[in-house]
């Protein structure tokens, strides 16, 4: 995914504080699997700007001393506003390790005027 140079210009990283779902900002929202298990917190999403859709969730896990990021393919998601949690349908076996260097290699969608809406 990250080494595919032909698709790199169409893929952009959007920081979670620029992502909205059901009218709420998804910055630091918990990401949980279908059975409620904690996966991490939403760091951002990777979008295909030409197709106008989210392809991957970037999830931060680990503690402050050993930060880790994972990329999960986007299938579907449901926001639980009362618990500030995003329930995602995913196969954790498909999660790919990700790093801040990987994240920074993507063009960043940093302009506040361009918020990305998941649902």
PDB file of N, CA and C in Angstrom:
ATOM      1  N   UNK A   1       0.818  -1.178   0.000  1.00  0.00           N
ATOM      2  CA  UNK A   1       0.000   0.000   0.000  1.00  0.00           C
ATOM      3  C   UNK A   1       0.870   1.252   0.000  1.00  0.00           C
ATOM      4  N   UNK A   2       1.791   1.361   0.952  1.00  0.00           N
ATOM      5  CA  UNK A   2       2.574   2.578   1.108  1.00  0.00           C
ATOM      6  C   UNK A   2       3.652   2.716   0.046  1.00  0.00           C
ATOM      7  N   UNK A   3       4.052   1.621  -0.581  1.00  0.00           N
ATOM      8  CA  UNK A   3       5.117   1.675  -1.563  1.00  0.00           C
ATOM      9  C   UNK A   3       4.611   1.792  -2.985  1.00  0.00           C
ATOM     10  N   UNK A   4       3.316   1.872  -3.183  1.00  0.00           N
ATOM     11  CA  UNK A   4       2.734   1.956  -4.513  1.00  0.00           C
ATOM     12  C   UNK A   4       2.830   3.397  -5.004  1.00  0.00           C
ATOM     13  N   UNK A   5       3.887   3.714  -5.751  1.00  0.00           N
ATOM     14  CA  UNK A   5       4.144   5.086  -6.180  1.00  0.00           C
ATOM     15  C   UNK A   5       3.112   5.580  -7.188  1.00  0.00           C
ATOM     16  N   UNK A   6       2.496   4.699  -7.952  1.00  0.00           N
ATOM     17  CA  UNK A   6       1.520   5.133  -8.941  1.00  0.00           C
ATOM     18  C   UNK A   6       0.258   5.662  -8.287  1.00  0.00           C
ATOM     19  N   UNK A   7      -0.111   5.156  -7.117  1.00  0.00           N
ATOM     20  CA  UNK A   7      -1.328   5.618  -6.472  1.00  0.00           C
ATOM     21  C   UNK A   7      -1.062   6.670  -5.409  1.00  0.00           C
ATOM     22  N   UNK A   8       0.213   6.933  -5.089  1.00  0.00           N
ATOM     23  CA  UNK A   8       0.530   7.850  -3.999  1.00  0.00           C
ATOM     24  C   UNK A   8      -0.094   9.234  -4.168  1.00  0.00           C
ATOM     25  N   UNK A   9      -0.085   9.867  -5.364  1.00  0.00           N
ATOM     26  CA  UNK A   9      -0.679  11.194  -5.462  1.00  0.00           C
ATOM     27  C   UNK A   9      -2.187  11.217  -5.198  1.00  0.00           C
ATOM     28  N   UNK A  10      -2.867  10.130  -5.433  1.00  0.00           N
ATOM     29  CA  UNK A  10      -4.309  10.120  -5.182  1.00  0.00           C
ATOM     30  C   UNK A  10      -4.631   9.843  -3.729  1.00  0.00           C
ATOM     31  N   UNK A  11      -3.693   9.276  -2.973  1.00  0.00           N
ATOM     32  CA  UNK A  11      -3.934   8.966  -1.576  1.00  0.00           C
ATOM     33  C   UNK A  11      -3.424  10.099  -0.697  1.00  0.00           C
ATOM     34  N   UNK A  12      -4.280  10.545   0.215  1.00  0.00           N
ATOM     35  CA  UNK A  12      -3.917  11.616   1.143  1.00  0.00           C
ATOM     36  C   UNK A  12      -4.233  11.174   2.557  1.00  0.00           C
ATOM     37  N   UNK A  13      -3.395  11.625   3.483  1.00  0.00           N
ATOM     38  CA  UNK A  13      -3.635  11.393   4.893  1.00  0.00           C
ATOM     39  C   UNK A  13      -4.452  12.565   5.432  1.00  0.00           C
ATOM     40  N   UNK A  14      -5.507  12.251   6.190  1.00  0.00           N
ATOM     41  CA  UNK A  14      -6.327  13.276   6.835  1.00  0.00           C
ATOM     42  C   UNK A  14      -6.259  13.023   8.331  1.00  0.00           C
ATOM     43  N   UNK A  15      -5.702  13.977   9.074  1.00  0.00           N
ATOM     44  CA  UNK A  15      -5.598  13.860  10.522  1.00  0.00           C
ATOM     45  C   UNK A  15      -6.997  13.760  11.130  1.00  0.00           C
ATOM     46  N   UNK A  16      -7.129  13.014  12.212  1.00  0.00           N
ATOM     47  CA  UNK A  16      -8.443  12.753  12.814  1.00  0.00           C
ATOM     48  C   UNK A  16      -9.174  14.018  13.227  1.00  0.00           C
ATOM     49  N   UNK A  17      -8.456  15.081  13.583  1.00  0.00           N
ATOM     50  CA  UNK A  17      -9.168  16.297  13.971  1.00  0.00           C
ATOM     51  C   UNK A  17      -9.793  17.013  12.782  1.00  0.00           C
ATOM     52  N   UNK A  18      -9.532  16.516  11.575  1.00  0.00           N
ATOM     53  CA  UNK A  18     -10.176  17.033  10.372  1.00  0.00           C
ATOM     54  C   UNK A  18     -11.268  16.085   9.870  1.00  0.00           C
ATOM     55  N   UNK A  19     -11.540  15.029  10.626  1.00  0.00           N
ATOM     56  CA  UNK A  19     -12.522  14.026  10.203  1.00  0.00           C
ATOM     57  C   UNK A  19     -13.774  14.145  11.066  1.00  0.00           C
ATOM     58  N   UNK A  20     -14.930  14.098  10.410  1.00  0.00           N
ATOM     59  CA  UNK A  20     -16.191  14.163  11.133  1.00  0.00           C
ATOM     60  C   UNK A  20     -17.033  12.944  10.809  1.00  0.00           C
ATOM     61  N   UNK A  21     -17.834  12.553  11.779  1.00  0.00           N
ATOM     62  CA  UNK A  21     -18.791  11.476  11.605  1.00  0.00           C
ATOM     63  C   UNK A  21     -20.042  11.817  12.381  1.00  0.00           C
ATOM     64  N   UNK A  22     -21.160  11.819  11.726  1.00  0.00           N
ATOM     65  CA  UNK A  22     -22.430  12.124  12.383  1.00  0.00           C
ATOM     66  C   UNK A  22     -22.372  13.475  13.094  1.00  0.00           C
ATOM     67  N   UNK A  23     -21.681  14.445  12.464  1.00  0.00           N
ATOM     68  CA  UNK A  23     -21.588  15.790  13.013  1.00  0.00           C
ATOM     69  C   UNK A  23     -20.582  15.980  14.128  1.00  0.00           C
ATOM     70  N   UNK A  24     -19.831  14.940  14.501  1.00  0.00           N
ATOM     71  CA  UNK A  24     -18.857  15.043  15.599  1.00  0.00           C
ATOM     72  C   UNK A  24     -17.441  14.906  15.055  1.00  0.00           C
ATOM     73  N   UNK A  25     -16.520  15.657  15.649  1.00  0.00           N
ATOM     74  CA  UNK A  25     -15.107  15.521  15.313  1.00  0.00           C
ATOM     75  C   UNK A  25     -14.611  14.181  15.866  1.00  0.00           C
ATOM     76  N   UNK A  26     -13.840  13.464  15.072  1.00  0.00           N
ATOM     77  CA  UNK A  26     -13.390  12.130  15.482  1.00  0.00           C
ATOM     78  C   UNK A  26     -11.958  12.120  16.019  1.00  0.00           C
ATOM     79  N   UNK A  27     -11.453  13.277  16.420  1.00  0.00           N
ATOM     80  CA  UNK A  27     -10.118  13.356  16.992  1.00  0.00           C
ATOM     81  C   UNK A  27     -10.043  12.566  18.299  1.00  0.00           C
ATOM     82  N   UNK A  28      -9.097  11.655  18.382  1.00  0.00           N
ATOM     83  CA  UNK A  28      -8.829  10.820  19.564  1.00  0.00           C
ATOM     84  C   UNK A  28     -10.018   9.960  19.988  1.00  0.00           C
ATOM     85  N   UNK A  29     -10.873   9.627  19.074  1.00  0.00           N
ATOM     86  CA  UNK A  29     -11.992   8.741  19.393  1.00  0.00           C
ATOM     87  C   UNK A  29     -11.449   7.312  19.500  1.00  0.00           C
ATOM     88  N   UNK A  30     -11.993   6.528  20.443  1.00  0.00           N
ATOM     89  CA  UNK A  30     -11.592   5.124  20.565  1.00  0.00           C
ATOM     90  C   UNK A  30     -12.035   4.346  19.338  1.00  0.00           C
ATOM     91  N   UNK A  31     -11.188   3.446  18.892  1.00  0.00           N
ATOM     92  CA  UNK A  31     -11.538   2.551  17.790  1.00  0.00           C
ATOM     93  C   UNK A  31     -11.679   1.164  18.383  1.00  0.00           C
ATOM     94  N   UNK A  32     -12.834   0.567  18.143  1.00  0.00           N
ATOM     95  CA  UNK A  32     -13.138  -0.752  18.687  1.00  0.00           C
ATOM     96  C   UNK A  32     -13.568  -1.683  17.565  1.00  0.00           C
ATOM     97  N   UNK A  33     -13.271  -2.964  17.765  1.00  0.00           N
ATOM     98  CA  UNK A  33     -13.721  -3.978  16.813  1.00  0.00           C
ATOM     99  C   UNK A  33     -15.192  -4.269  17.011  1.00  0.00           C
ATOM    100  N   UNK A  34     -15.709  -5.131  16.178  1.00  0.00           N
ATOM    101  CA  UNK A  34     -17.138  -5.462  16.214  1.00  0.00           C
ATOM    102  C   UNK A  34     -17.593  -6.036  17.546  1.00  0.00           C
ATOM    103  N   UNK A  35     -16.710  -6.713  18.248  1.00  0.00           N
ATOM    104  CA  UNK A  35     -17.092  -7.305  19.531  1.00  0.00           C
ATOM    105  C   UNK A  35     -16.769  -6.388  20.703  1.00  0.00           C
ATOM    106  N   UNK A  36     -16.343  -5.147  20.423  1.00  0.00           N
ATOM    107  CA  UNK A  36     -16.063  -4.180  21.467  1.00  0.00           C
ATOM    108  C   UNK A  36     -14.635  -4.131  21.948  1.00  0.00           C
ATOM    109  N   UNK A  37     -13.754  -4.982  21.421  1.00  0.00           N
ATOM    110  CA  UNK A  37     -12.360  -4.973  21.864  1.00  0.00           C
ATOM    111  C   UNK A  37     -11.675  -3.679  21.415  1.00  0.00           C
ATOM    112  N   UNK A  38     -10.875  -3.103  22.301  1.00  0.00           N
ATOM    113  CA  UNK A  38     -10.143  -1.870  22.033  1.00  0.00           C
ATOM    114  C   UNK A  38      -9.031  -2.147  21.032  1.00  0.00           C
ATOM    115  N   UNK A  39      -8.997  -1.378  19.964  1.00  0.00           N
ATOM    116  CA  UNK A  39      -7.921  -1.482  18.978  1.00  0.00           C
ATOM    117  C   UNK A  39      -6.928  -0.347  19.178  1.00  0.00           C
ATOM    118  N   UNK A  40      -7.427   0.840  19.482  1.00  0.00           N
ATOM    119  CA  UNK A  40      -6.576   2.014  19.682  1.00  0.00           C
ATOM    120  C   UNK A  40      -7.413   3.268  19.576  1.00  0.00           C
ATOM    121  N   UNK A  41      -6.769   4.375  19.210  1.00  0.00           N
ATOM    122  CA  UNK A  41      -7.485   5.625  18.980  1.00  0.00           C
ATOM    123  C   UNK A  41      -7.267   6.051  17.540  1.00  0.00           C
ATOM    124  N   UNK A  42      -8.257   6.728  16.991  1.00  0.00           N
ATOM    125  CA  UNK A  42      -8.168   7.152  15.598  1.00  0.00           C
ATOM    126  C   UNK A  42      -7.137   8.255  15.458  1.00  0.00           C
ATOM    127  N   UNK A  43      -6.118   8.015  14.645  1.00  0.00           N
ATOM    128  CA  UNK A  43      -5.090   9.007  14.359  1.00  0.00           C
ATOM    129  C   UNK A  43      -5.458   9.782  13.100  1.00  0.00           C
ATOM    130  N   UNK A  44      -6.106   9.097  12.160  1.00  0.00           N
ATOM    131  CA  UNK A  44      -6.502   9.726  10.909  1.00  0.00           C
ATOM    132  C   UNK A  44      -7.038   8.699   9.942  1.00  0.00           C
ATOM    133  N   UNK A  45      -7.248   9.142   8.718  1.00  0.00           N
ATOM    134  CA  UNK A  45      -7.715   8.250   7.661  1.00  0.00           C
ATOM    135  C   UNK A  45      -6.889   8.509   6.411  1.00  0.00           C
ATOM    136  N   UNK A  46      -6.837   7.520   5.552  1.00  0.00           N
ATOM    137  CA  UNK A  46      -6.215   7.675   4.243  1.00  0.00           C
ATOM    138  C   UNK A  46      -7.340   7.644   3.227  1.00  0.00           C
ATOM    139  N   UNK A  47      -7.401   8.715   2.431  1.00  0.00           N
ATOM    140  CA  UNK A  47      -8.487   8.847   1.467  1.00  0.00           C
ATOM    141  C   UNK A  47      -7.949   8.807   0.047  1.00  0.00           C
ATOM    142  N   UNK A  48      -8.776   8.313  -0.841  1.00  0.00           N
ATOM    143  CA  UNK A  48      -8.513   8.381  -2.277  1.00  0.00           C
ATOM    144  C   UNK A  48      -9.202   9.659  -2.735  1.00  0.00           C
ATOM    145  N   UNK A  49      -8.434  10.700  -3.022  1.00  0.00           N
ATOM    146  CA  UNK A  49      -9.028  12.001  -3.330  1.00  0.00           C
ATOM    147  C   UNK A  49      -9.754  11.990  -4.669  1.00  0.00           C
ATOM    148  N   UNK A  50      -9.319  11.170  -5.608  1.00  0.00           N
ATOM    149  CA  UNK A  50     -10.004  11.109  -6.900  1.00  0.00           C
ATOM    150  C   UNK A  50     -11.367  10.444  -6.775  1.00  0.00           C
ATOM    151  N   UNK A  51     -11.446   9.372  -5.980  1.00  0.00           N
ATOM    152  CA  UNK A  51     -12.719   8.675  -5.792  1.00  0.00           C
ATOM    153  C   UNK A  51     -13.559   9.333  -4.705  1.00  0.00           C
ATOM    154  N   UNK A  52     -12.932  10.153  -3.859  1.00  0.00           N
ATOM    155  CA  UNK A  52     -13.654  10.826  -2.791  1.00  0.00           C
ATOM    156  C   UNK A  52     -14.131   9.887  -1.704  1.00  0.00           C
ATOM    157  N   UNK A  53     -13.282   8.914  -1.342  1.00  0.00           N
ATOM    158  CA  UNK A  53     -13.708   7.974  -0.306  1.00  0.00           C
ATOM    159  C   UNK A  53     -12.554   7.557   0.592  1.00  0.00           C
ATOM    160  N   UNK A  54     -12.921   7.162   1.809  1.00  0.00           N
ATOM    161  CA  UNK A  54     -11.961   6.680   2.788  1.00  0.00           C
ATOM    162  C   UNK A  54     -11.578   5.252   2.420  1.00  0.00           C
ATOM    163  N   UNK A  55     -10.277   4.966   2.421  1.00  0.00           N
ATOM    164  CA  UNK A  55      -9.795   3.613   2.138  1.00  0.00           C
ATOM    165  C   UNK A  55      -9.297   2.914   3.390  1.00  0.00           C
ATOM    166  N   UNK A  56      -8.649   3.671   4.303  1.00  0.00           N
ATOM    167  CA  UNK A  56      -8.026   3.067   5.469  1.00  0.00           C
ATOM    168  C   UNK A  56      -8.202   3.943   6.699  1.00  0.00           C
ATOM    169  N   UNK A  57      -8.295   3.291   7.865  1.00  0.00           N
ATOM    170  CA  UNK A  57      -8.191   3.960   9.157  1.00  0.00           C
ATOM    171  C   UNK A  57      -6.742   3.868   9.603  1.00  0.00           C
ATOM    172  N   UNK A  58      -6.200   4.947  10.165  1.00  0.00           N
ATOM    173  CA  UNK A  58      -4.895   4.909  10.797  1.00  0.00           C
ATOM    174  C   UNK A  58      -5.170   4.968  12.297  1.00  0.00           C
ATOM    175  N   UNK A  59      -4.793   3.916  13.004  1.00  0.00           N
ATOM    176  CA  UNK A  59      -5.121   3.763  14.418  1.00  0.00           C
ATOM    177  C   UNK A  59      -3.834   3.784  15.236  1.00  0.00           C
ATOM    178  N   UNK A  60      -3.826   4.604  16.277  1.00  0.00           N
ATOM    179  CA  UNK A  60      -2.685   4.680  17.182  1.00  0.00           C
ATOM    180  C   UNK A  60      -2.933   3.729  18.338  1.00  0.00           C
ATOM    181  N   UNK A  61      -1.949   2.915  18.639  1.00  0.00           N
ATOM    182  CA  UNK A  61      -2.058   2.001  19.775  1.00  0.00           C
ATOM    183  C   UNK A  61      -0.727   2.004  20.501  1.00  0.00           C
ATOM    184  N   UNK A  62      -0.667   1.374  21.613  1.00  0.00           N
ATOM    185  CA  UNK A  62       0.561   1.353  22.397  1.00  0.00           C
ATOM    186  C   UNK A  62       0.530   2.461  23.429  1.00  0.00           C
ATOM    187  N   UNK A  63       1.600   2.561  24.193  1.00  0.00           N
ATOM    188  CA  UNK A  63       1.662   3.590  25.230  1.00  0.00           C
ATOM    189  C   UNK A  63       2.556   4.734  24.771  1.00  0.00           C
ATOM    190  N   UNK A  64       2.712   5.725  25.615  1.00  0.00           N
ATOM    191  CA  UNK A  64       3.505   6.897  25.276  1.00  0.00           C
ATOM    192  C   UNK A  64       4.956   6.599  24.961  1.00  0.00           C
ATOM    193  N   UNK A  65       5.507   5.586  25.610  1.00  0.00           N
ATOM    194  CA  UNK A  65       6.920   5.254  25.387  1.00  0.00           C
ATOM    195  C   UNK A  65       7.118   4.470  24.095  1.00  0.00           C
ATOM    196  N   UNK A  66       6.144   3.668  23.728  1.00  0.00           N
ATOM    197  CA  UNK A  66       6.262   2.843  22.526  1.00  0.00           C
ATOM    198  C   UNK A  66       5.025   3.057  21.653  1.00  0.00           C
ATOM    199  N   UNK A  67       4.964   4.201  20.948  1.00  0.00           N
ATOM    200  CA  UNK A  67       3.790   4.428  20.103  1.00  0.00           C
ATOM    201  C   UNK A  67       3.802   3.492  18.900  1.00  0.00           C
ATOM    202  N   UNK A  68       2.640   3.041  18.528  1.00  0.00           N
ATOM    203  CA  UNK A  68       2.491   2.168  17.362  1.00  0.00           C
ATOM    204  C   UNK A  68       1.285   2.648  16.572  1.00  0.00           C
ATOM    205  N   UNK A  69       1.386   2.508  15.273  1.00  0.00           N
ATOM    206  CA  UNK A  69       0.261   2.809  14.415  1.00  0.00           C
ATOM    207  C   UNK A  69      -0.047   1.572  13.590  1.00  0.00           C
ATOM    208  N   UNK A  70      -1.317   1.423  13.270  1.00  0.00           N
ATOM    209  CA  UNK A  70      -1.774   0.339  12.398  1.00  0.00           C
ATOM    210  C   UNK A  70      -2.668   0.953  11.335  1.00  0.00           C
ATOM    211  N   UNK A  71      -2.669   0.339  10.184  1.00  0.00           N
ATOM    212  CA  UNK A  71      -3.579   0.730   9.122  1.00  0.00           C
ATOM    213  C   UNK A  71      -4.589  -0.393   8.961  1.00  0.00           C
ATOM    214  N   UNK A  72      -5.873  -0.019   9.050  1.00  0.00           N
ATOM    215  CA  UNK A  72      -6.955  -0.988   8.888  1.00  0.00           C
ATOM    216  C   UNK A  72      -7.757  -0.632   7.649  1.00  0.00           C
ATOM    217  N   UNK A  73      -8.010  -1.599   6.781  1.00  0.00           N
ATOM    218  CA  UNK A  73      -8.858  -1.303   5.626  1.00  0.00           C
ATOM    219  C   UNK A  73     -10.250  -0.860   6.084  1.00  0.00           C
ATOM    220  N   UNK A  74     -10.782   0.185   5.458  1.00  0.00           N
ATOM    221  CA  UNK A  74     -12.121   0.665   5.791  1.00  0.00           C
ATOM    222  C   UNK A  74     -13.154  -0.240   5.132  1.00  0.00           C
ATOM    223  N   UNK A  75     -14.028  -0.818   5.946  1.00  0.00           N
ATOM    224  CA  UNK A  75     -15.160  -1.602   5.440  1.00  0.00           C
ATOM    225  C   UNK A  75     -16.435  -0.872   5.824  1.00  0.00           C
ATOM    226  N   UNK A  76     -16.653  -0.739   7.115  1.00  0.00           N
ATOM    227  CA  UNK A  76     -17.777   0.050   7.618  1.00  0.00           C
ATOM    228  C   UNK A  76     -17.451   0.485   9.033  1.00  0.00           C
ATOM    229  N   UNK A  77     -18.179   1.500   9.493  1.00  0.00           N
ATOM    230  CA  UNK A  77     -17.942   2.019  10.835  1.00  0.00           C
ATOM    231  C   UNK A  77     -19.246   2.584  11.390  1.00  0.00           C
ATOM    232  N   UNK A  78     -19.343   2.533  12.716  1.00  0.00           N
ATOM    233  CA  UNK A  78     -20.522   3.081  13.402  1.00  0.00           C
ATOM    234  C   UNK A  78     -20.016   3.874  14.589  1.00  0.00           C
ATOM    235  N   UNK A  79     -20.480   5.126  14.698  1.00  0.00           N
ATOM    236  CA  UNK A  79     -20.051   5.992  15.783  1.00  0.00           C
ATOM    237  C   UNK A  79     -20.993   5.859  16.972  1.00  0.00           C
ATOM    238  N   UNK A  80     -20.423   5.585  18.143  1.00  0.00           N
ATOM    239  CA  UNK A  80     -21.160   5.563  19.407  1.00  0.00           C
ATOM    240  C   UNK A  80     -20.787   6.858  20.113  1.00  0.00           C
ATOM    241  N   UNK A  81     -21.609   7.882  19.932  1.00  0.00           N
ATOM    242  CA  UNK A  81     -21.296   9.219  20.458  1.00  0.00           C
ATOM    243  C   UNK A  81     -21.217   9.239  21.980  1.00  0.00           C
ATOM    244  N   UNK A  82     -22.061   8.468  22.643  1.00  0.00           N
ATOM    245  CA  UNK A  82     -22.083   8.505  24.103  1.00  0.00           C
ATOM    246  C   UNK A  82     -20.793   7.959  24.724  1.00  0.00           C
ATOM    247  N   UNK A  83     -20.102   7.071  24.021  1.00  0.00           N
ATOM    248  CA  UNK A  83     -18.846   6.503  24.520  1.00  0.00           C
ATOM    249  C   UNK A  83     -17.619   7.009  23.752  1.00  0.00           C
ATOM    250  N   UNK A  84     -17.834   7.947  22.834  1.00  0.00           N
ATOM    251  CA  UNK A  84     -16.768   8.450  21.954  1.00  0.00           C
ATOM    252  C   UNK A  84     -15.949   7.302  21.382  1.00  0.00           C
ATOM    253  N   UNK A  85     -16.693   6.376  20.773  1.00  0.00           N
ATOM    254  CA  UNK A  85     -16.047   5.191  20.204  1.00  0.00           C
ATOM    255  C   UNK A  85     -16.531   4.960  18.781  1.00  0.00           C
ATOM    256  N   UNK A  86     -15.638   4.506  17.962  1.00  0.00           N
ATOM    257  CA  UNK A  86     -15.934   4.159  16.586  1.00  0.00           C
ATOM    258  C   UNK A  86     -15.817   2.645  16.472  1.00  0.00           C
ATOM    259  N   UNK A  87     -16.940   1.991  16.204  1.00  0.00           N
ATOM    260  CA  UNK A  87     -16.931   0.535  16.015  1.00  0.00           C
ATOM    261  C   UNK A  87     -16.683   0.259  14.544  1.00  0.00           C
ATOM    262  N   UNK A  88     -15.633  -0.486  14.266  1.00  0.00           N
ATOM    263  CA  UNK A  88     -15.266  -0.744  12.880  1.00  0.00           C
ATOM    264  C   UNK A  88     -15.387  -2.226  12.557  1.00  0.00           C
ATOM    265  N   UNK A  89     -15.804  -2.480  11.362  1.00  0.00           N
ATOM    266  CA  UNK A  89     -15.821  -3.851  10.858  1.00  0.00           C
ATOM    267  C   UNK A  89     -14.468  -4.063  10.207  1.00  0.00           C
ATOM    268  N   UNK A  90     -13.699  -4.978  10.748  1.00  0.00           N
ATOM    269  CA  UNK A  90     -12.377  -5.212  10.183  1.00  0.00           C
ATOM    270  C   UNK A  90     -11.895  -6.606  10.529  1.00  0.00           C
ATOM    271  N   UNK A  91     -10.973  -7.055   9.727  1.00  0.00           N
ATOM    272  CA  UNK A  91     -10.261  -8.288  10.003  1.00  0.00           C
ATOM    273  C   UNK A  91      -8.899  -7.865  10.530  1.00  0.00           C
ATOM    274  N   UNK A  92      -8.669  -8.011  11.844  1.00  0.00           N
ATOM    275  CA  UNK A  92      -7.422  -7.529  12.446  1.00  0.00           C
ATOM    276  C   UNK A  92      -6.202  -8.186  11.819  1.00  0.00           C
ATOM    277  N   UNK A  93      -6.380  -9.334  11.196  1.00  0.00           N
ATOM    278  CA  UNK A  93      -5.258  -9.985  10.523  1.00  0.00           C
ATOM    279  C   UNK A  93      -4.800  -9.167   9.319  1.00  0.00           C
ATOM    280  N   UNK A  94      -5.679  -8.301   8.801  1.00  0.00           N
ATOM    281  CA  UNK A  94      -5.327  -7.468   7.653  1.00  0.00           C
ATOM    282  C   UNK A  94      -4.673  -6.155   8.067  1.00  0.00           C
ATOM    283  N   UNK A  95      -4.567  -5.896   9.370  1.00  0.00           N
ATOM    284  CA  UNK A  95      -3.935  -4.673   9.847  1.00  0.00           C
ATOM    285  C   UNK A  95      -2.465  -4.666   9.450  1.00  0.00           C
ATOM    286  N   UNK A  96      -2.007  -3.516   9.007  1.00  0.00           N
ATOM    287  CA  UNK A  96      -0.632  -3.364   8.545  1.00  0.00           C
ATOM    288  C   UNK A  96       0.081  -2.400   9.488  1.00  0.00           C
ATOM    289  N   UNK A  97       1.287  -2.752   9.956  1.00  0.00           N
ATOM    290  CA  UNK A  97       2.040  -1.800  10.784  1.00  0.00           C
ATOM    291  C   UNK A  97       2.298  -0.521   9.989  1.00  0.00           C
ATOM    292  N   UNK A  98       2.294   0.577  10.693  1.00  0.00           N
ATOM    293  CA  UNK A  98       2.427   1.891  10.076  1.00  0.00           C
ATOM    294  C   UNK A  98       3.310   2.713  11.000  1.00  0.00           C
ATOM    295  N   UNK A  99       3.983   3.707  10.484  1.00  0.00           N
ATOM    296  CA  UNK A  99       4.819   4.542  11.339  1.00  0.00           C
ATOM    297  C   UNK A  99       4.561   6.008  11.018  1.00  0.00           C
ATOM    298  N   UNK A 100       5.066   6.872  11.864  1.00  0.00           N
ATOM    299  CA  UNK A 100       4.932   8.303  11.619  1.00  0.00           C
ATOM    300  C   UNK A 100       5.624   8.661  10.300  1.00  0.00           C
ATOM    301  N   UNK A 101       6.704   7.974   9.973  1.00  0.00           N
ATOM    302  CA  UNK A 101       7.382   8.234   8.705  1.00  0.00           C
ATOM    303  C   UNK A 101       6.491   7.856   7.533  1.00  0.00           C
ATOM    304  N   UNK A 102       5.784   6.728   7.637  1.00  0.00           N
ATOM    305  CA  UNK A 102       4.838   6.342   6.588  1.00  0.00           C
ATOM    306  C   UNK A 102       3.763   7.407   6.448  1.00  0.00           C
ATOM    307  N   UNK A 103       3.221   7.833   7.602  1.00  0.00           N
ATOM    308  CA  UNK A 103       2.149   8.831   7.610  1.00  0.00           C
ATOM    309  C   UNK A 103       2.611  10.120   6.968  1.00  0.00           C
ATOM    310  N   UNK A 104       3.811  10.554   7.301  1.00  0.00           N
ATOM    311  CA  UNK A 104       4.320  11.819   6.786  1.00  0.00           C
ATOM    312  C   UNK A 104       4.678  11.749   5.301  1.00  0.00           C
ATOM    313  N   UNK A 105       4.776  10.543   4.737  1.00  0.00           N
ATOM    314  CA  UNK A 105       5.074  10.394   3.313  1.00  0.00           C
ATOM    315  C   UNK A 105       3.862  10.723   2.446  1.00  0.00           C
ATOM    316  N   UNK A 106       2.663  10.680   3.027  1.00  0.00           N
ATOM    317  CA  UNK A 106       1.451  11.000   2.278  1.00  0.00           C
ATOM    318  C   UNK A 106       1.248  12.509   2.235  1.00  0.00           C
ATOM    319  N   UNK A 107       0.730  13.022   1.124  1.00  0.00           N
ATOM    320  CA  UNK A 107       0.313  14.430   1.151  1.00  0.00           C
ATOM    321  C   UNK A 107      -0.740  14.583   2.254  1.00  0.00           C
ATOM    322  N   UNK A 108      -0.631  15.672   3.014  1.00  0.00           N
ATOM    323  CA  UNK A 108      -1.525  15.884   4.146  1.00  0.00           C
ATOM    324  C   UNK A 108      -2.669  16.790   3.741  1.00  0.00           C
ATOM    325  N   UNK A 109      -3.843  16.412   4.121  1.00  0.00           N
ATOM    326  CA  UNK A 109      -5.051  17.192   3.893  1.00  0.00           C
ATOM    327  C   UNK A 109      -5.246  18.030   5.136  1.00  0.00           C
ATOM    328  N   UNK A 110      -4.501  19.132   5.281  1.00  0.00           N
ATOM    329  CA  UNK A 110      -4.454  19.853   6.553  1.00  0.00           C
ATOM    330  C   UNK A 110      -5.352  21.072   6.614  1.00  0.00           C
ATOM    331  N   UNK A 111      -5.942  21.478   5.520  1.00  0.00           N
ATOM    332  CA  UNK A 111      -6.749  22.687   5.504  1.00  0.00           C
ATOM    333  C   UNK A 111      -8.093  22.452   6.191  1.00  0.00           C
ATOM    334  N   UNK A 112      -8.429  23.284   7.184  1.00  0.00           N
ATOM    335  CA  UNK A 112      -9.686  23.135   7.922  1.00  0.00           C
ATOM    336  C   UNK A 112     -10.915  23.226   7.031  1.00  0.00           C
ATOM    337  N   UNK A 113     -10.786  23.882   5.875  1.00  0.00           N
ATOM    338  CA  UNK A 113     -11.923  24.004   4.982  1.00  0.00           C
ATOM    339  C   UNK A 113     -12.256  22.687   4.305  1.00  0.00           C
ATOM    340  N   UNK A 114     -11.380  21.726   4.403  1.00  0.00           N
ATOM    341  CA  UNK A 114     -11.557  20.445   3.719  1.00  0.00           C
ATOM    342  C   UNK A 114     -11.723  19.322   4.721  1.00  0.00           C
ATOM    343  N   UNK A 115     -12.698  19.422   5.555  1.00  0.00           N
ATOM    344  CA  UNK A 115     -12.955  18.344   6.498  1.00  0.00           C
ATOM    345  C   UNK A 115     -13.501  17.144   5.731  1.00  0.00           C
ATOM    346  N   UNK A 116     -13.098  15.982   6.150  1.00  0.00           N
ATOM    347  CA  UNK A 116     -13.567  14.752   5.538  1.00  0.00           C
ATOM    348  C   UNK A 116     -14.669  14.164   6.424  1.00  0.00           C
ATOM    349  N   UNK A 117     -15.742  13.756   5.806  1.00  0.00           N
ATOM    350  CA  UNK A 117     -16.856  13.181   6.550  1.00  0.00           C
ATOM    351  C   UNK A 117     -16.940  11.698   6.263  1.00  0.00           C
ATOM    352  N   UNK A 118     -16.921  10.884   7.327  1.00  0.00           N
ATOM    353  CA  UNK A 118     -17.005   9.434   7.150  1.00  0.00           C
ATOM    354  C   UNK A 118     -18.431   8.982   6.869  1.00  0.00           C
ATOM    355  N   UNK A 119     -19.383   9.515   7.630  1.00  0.00           N
ATOM    356  CA  UNK A 119     -20.773   9.091   7.479  1.00  0.00           C
ATOM    357  C   UNK A 119     -21.675  10.151   8.019  1.00  0.00           C
TER     358      UNK A 119
END
